[in-house]
C-alpha atoms as a PDB file:
ATOM      1  CA  MET A   1     -17.041  50.451  92.677  1.00  0.00           C
ATOM      2  CA  LYS A   2     -17.806  51.141  89.022  1.00  0.00           C
ATOM      3  CA  PRO A   3     -19.667  48.341  87.205  1.00  0.00           C
ATOM      4  CA  ARG A   4     -17.599  46.637  84.508  1.00  0.00           C
ATOM      5  CA  ARG A   5     -18.778  46.757  80.933  1.00  0.00           C
ATOM      6  CA  ASN A   6     -18.904  43.633  78.833  1.00  0.00           C
ATOM      7  CA  PRO A   7     -16.827  44.225  75.656  1.00  0.00           C
ATOM      8  CA  TRP A   8     -18.637  41.428  73.798  1.00  0.00           C
ATOM      9  CA  LEU A   9     -21.991  43.028  74.529  1.00  0.00           C
ATOM     10  CA  ASP A  10     -20.676  46.423  73.403  1.00  0.00           C
ATOM     11  CA  LEU A  11     -19.356  44.914  70.166  1.00  0.00           C
ATOM     12  CA  SER A  12     -22.653  43.100  69.570  1.00  0.00           C
ATOM     13  CA  LEU A  13     -24.688  46.262  70.121  1.00  0.00           C
ATOM     14  CA  ASP A  14     -22.414  48.277  67.822  1.00  0.00           C
ATOM     15  CA  THR A  15     -22.788  45.599  65.160  1.00  0.00           C
ATOM     16  CA  VAL A  16     -26.587  45.731  65.458  1.00  0.00           C
ATOM     17  CA  ARG A  17     -26.447  49.529  65.173  1.00  0.00           C
ATOM     18  CA  LEU A  18     -24.249  49.206  62.077  1.00  0.00           C
ATOM     19  CA  THR A  19     -26.765  46.809  60.552  1.00  0.00           C
ATOM     20  CA  CYS A  20     -29.668  49.206  61.120  1.00  0.00           C
ATOM     21  CA  GLU A  21     -27.743  52.232  59.873  1.00  0.00           C
ATOM     22  CA  SER A  22     -26.578  50.314  56.792  1.00  0.00           C
ATOM     23  CA  GLY A  23     -30.145  49.353  55.983  1.00  0.00           C
ATOM     24  CA  HIS A  24     -31.178  52.997  56.090  1.00  0.00           C
ATOM     25  CA  VAL A  25     -28.333  54.010  53.770  1.00  0.00           C
ATOM     26  CA  ILE A  26     -29.254  51.207  51.363  1.00  0.00           C
ATOM     27  CA  GLY A  27     -32.823  52.529  51.273  1.00  0.00           C
ATOM     28  CA  LEU A  28     -31.634  56.079  50.613  1.00  0.00           C
ATOM     29  CA  ARG A  29     -29.354  54.874  47.828  1.00  0.00           C
ATOM     30  CA  LEU A  30     -32.117  52.798  46.261  1.00  0.00           C
ATOM     31  CA  ALA A  31     -34.439  55.806  46.282  1.00  0.00           C
ATOM     32  CA  LEU A  32     -31.762  57.908  44.600  1.00  0.00           C
ATOM     33  CA  ALA A  33     -31.071  55.182  42.020  1.00  0.00           C
ATOM     34  CA  ALA A  34     -34.795  54.843  41.285  1.00  0.00           C
ATOM     35  CA  ARG A  35     -34.960  58.534  40.377  1.00  0.00           C
ATOM     36  CA  GLY A  36     -32.177  58.009  37.837  1.00  0.00           C
ATOM     37  CA  GLY A  37     -30.161  60.737  36.217  1.00  0.00           C
ATOM     38  CA  PRO A  38     -26.617  61.960  36.699  1.00  0.00           C
ATOM     39  CA  ASP A  39     -26.922  62.113  40.502  1.00  0.00           C
ATOM     40  CA  ALA A  40     -27.823  58.416  40.628  1.00  0.00           C
ATOM     41  CA  GLN A  41     -24.940  57.523  38.314  1.00  0.00           C
ATOM     42  CA  ALA A  42     -22.494  59.539  40.428  1.00  0.00           C
ATOM     43  CA  GLU A  43     -23.761  57.897  43.624  1.00  0.00           C
ATOM     44  CA  LEU A  44     -23.273  54.406  42.209  1.00  0.00           C
ATOM     45  CA  GLY A  45     -19.688  55.241  41.253  1.00  0.00           C
ATOM     46  CA  ARG A  46     -19.063  56.821  44.658  1.00  0.00           C
ATOM     47  CA  MET A  47     -20.497  53.754  46.388  1.00  0.00           C
ATOM     48  CA  ILE A  48     -18.077  51.383  44.643  1.00  0.00           C
ATOM     49  CA  ILE A  49     -15.068  53.563  45.468  1.00  0.00           C
ATOM     50  CA  GLU A  50     -16.175  54.006  49.100  1.00  0.00           C
ATOM     51  CA  LYS A  51     -16.628  50.279  49.619  1.00  0.00           C
ATOM     52  CA  ALA A  52     -13.158  49.501  48.281  1.00  0.00           C
ATOM     53  CA  ARG A  53     -11.582  52.285  50.351  1.00  0.00           C
ATOM     54  CA  ALA A  54     -13.364  51.155  53.537  1.00  0.00           C
ATOM     55  CA  ALA A  55     -12.215  47.563  53.024  1.00  0.00           C
ATOM     56  CA  VAL A  56      -8.589  48.644  52.553  1.00  0.00           C
ATOM     57  CA  ASP A  57      -8.755  50.968  55.571  1.00  0.00           C
ATOM     58  CA  ALA A  58     -10.259  48.198  57.715  1.00  0.00           C
ATOM     59  CA  HIS A  59      -7.490  45.795  56.657  1.00  0.00           C
ATOM     60  CA  PHE A  60      -4.815  48.340  57.608  1.00  0.00           C
ATOM     61  CA  MET A  61      -6.544  49.046  60.921  1.00  0.00           C
ATOM     62  CA  ILE A  62      -6.745  45.351  61.763  1.00  0.00           C
ATOM     63  CA  ALA A  63      -3.113  44.773  60.754  1.00  0.00           C
ATOM     64  CA  SER A  64      -2.051  47.758  62.835  1.00  0.00           C
ATOM     65  CA  SER A  65      -3.942  46.398  65.839  1.00  0.00           C
ATOM     66  CA  LEU A  66      -2.314  43.000  65.424  1.00  0.00           C
ATOM     67  CA  LEU A  67       1.190  44.420  65.032  1.00  0.00           C
ATOM     68  CA  SER A  68       0.827  46.713  68.043  1.00  0.00           C
ATOM     69  CA  GLY A  69      -0.276  43.848  70.302  1.00  0.00           C
ATOM     70  CA  GLU A  70      -3.856  45.084  70.507  1.00  0.00           C
ATOM     71  CA  ALA A  71      -5.525  42.316  68.526  1.00  0.00           C
ATOM     72  CA  HIS A  72      -8.385  42.225  71.007  1.00  0.00           C
ATOM     73  CA  LEU A  73      -9.364  45.752  69.903  1.00  0.00           C
ATOM     74  CA  ALA A  74      -9.404  44.999  66.159  1.00  0.00           C
ATOM     75  CA  PRO A  75     -13.076  43.909  65.846  1.00  0.00           C
ATOM     76  CA  ALA A  76     -14.431  46.944  67.698  1.00  0.00           C
ATOM     77  CA  ARG A  77     -12.172  49.269  65.719  1.00  0.00           C
ATOM     78  CA  ALA A  78     -13.315  47.760  62.417  1.00  0.00           C
ATOM     79  CA  VAL A  79     -16.994  48.103  63.350  1.00  0.00           C
ATOM     80  CA  ALA A  80     -16.375  51.704  64.484  1.00  0.00           C
ATOM     81  CA  LEU A  81     -14.675  52.497  61.162  1.00  0.00           C
ATOM     82  CA  TYR A  82     -17.608  51.147  59.163  1.00  0.00           C
ATOM     83  CA  ARG A  83     -20.137  52.901  61.419  1.00  0.00           C
ATOM     84  CA  ASP A  84     -18.360  56.224  60.871  1.00  0.00           C
ATOM     85  CA  ARG A  85     -18.455  55.753  57.101  1.00  0.00           C
ATOM     86  CA  VAL A  86     -22.093  54.621  57.074  1.00  0.00           C
ATOM     87  CA  GLN A  87     -23.169  57.533  59.290  1.00  0.00           C
ATOM     88  CA  ALA A  88     -21.369  59.998  56.993  1.00  0.00           C
ATOM     89  CA  ASN A  89     -23.233  58.540  54.019  1.00  0.00           C
ATOM     90  CA  GLN A  90     -26.504  58.702  55.914  1.00  0.00           C
ATOM     91  CA  ARG A  91     -25.996  62.413  56.693  1.00  0.00           C
ATOM     92  CA  ARG A  92     -25.003  63.174  53.091  1.00  0.00           C
ATOM     93  CA  LEU A  93     -27.865  61.253  51.489  1.00  0.00           C
ATOM     94  CA  ALA A  94     -30.548  62.415  53.930  1.00  0.00           C
ATOM     95  CA  ASN A  95     -29.631  66.074  53.454  1.00  0.00           C
ATOM     96  CA  PRO A  96     -28.840  66.564  49.764  1.00  0.00           C
ATOM     97  CA  ALA A  97     -27.407  69.967  48.872  1.00  0.00           C
END
């Protein structure tokens, strides 16, 4: 018999991972901002737009989960959405072109 996974533990671990990954992205963005210049200005503008877009997307995802009768999946889906966005930023900022 396959052992059952605890969804609360999975959600907690994903949230901790999101916290760590977010901290790394914040550090990368601070380093870029400290250098100044047009790249820093562009990153600050991008950051504001990305945050607003992620919040709207998370709201739609949560509403969709509620309307489809899958409310229990909404928290994990929201954390996964934010982790995807944070990881994309981490890749982009760690490997500038």
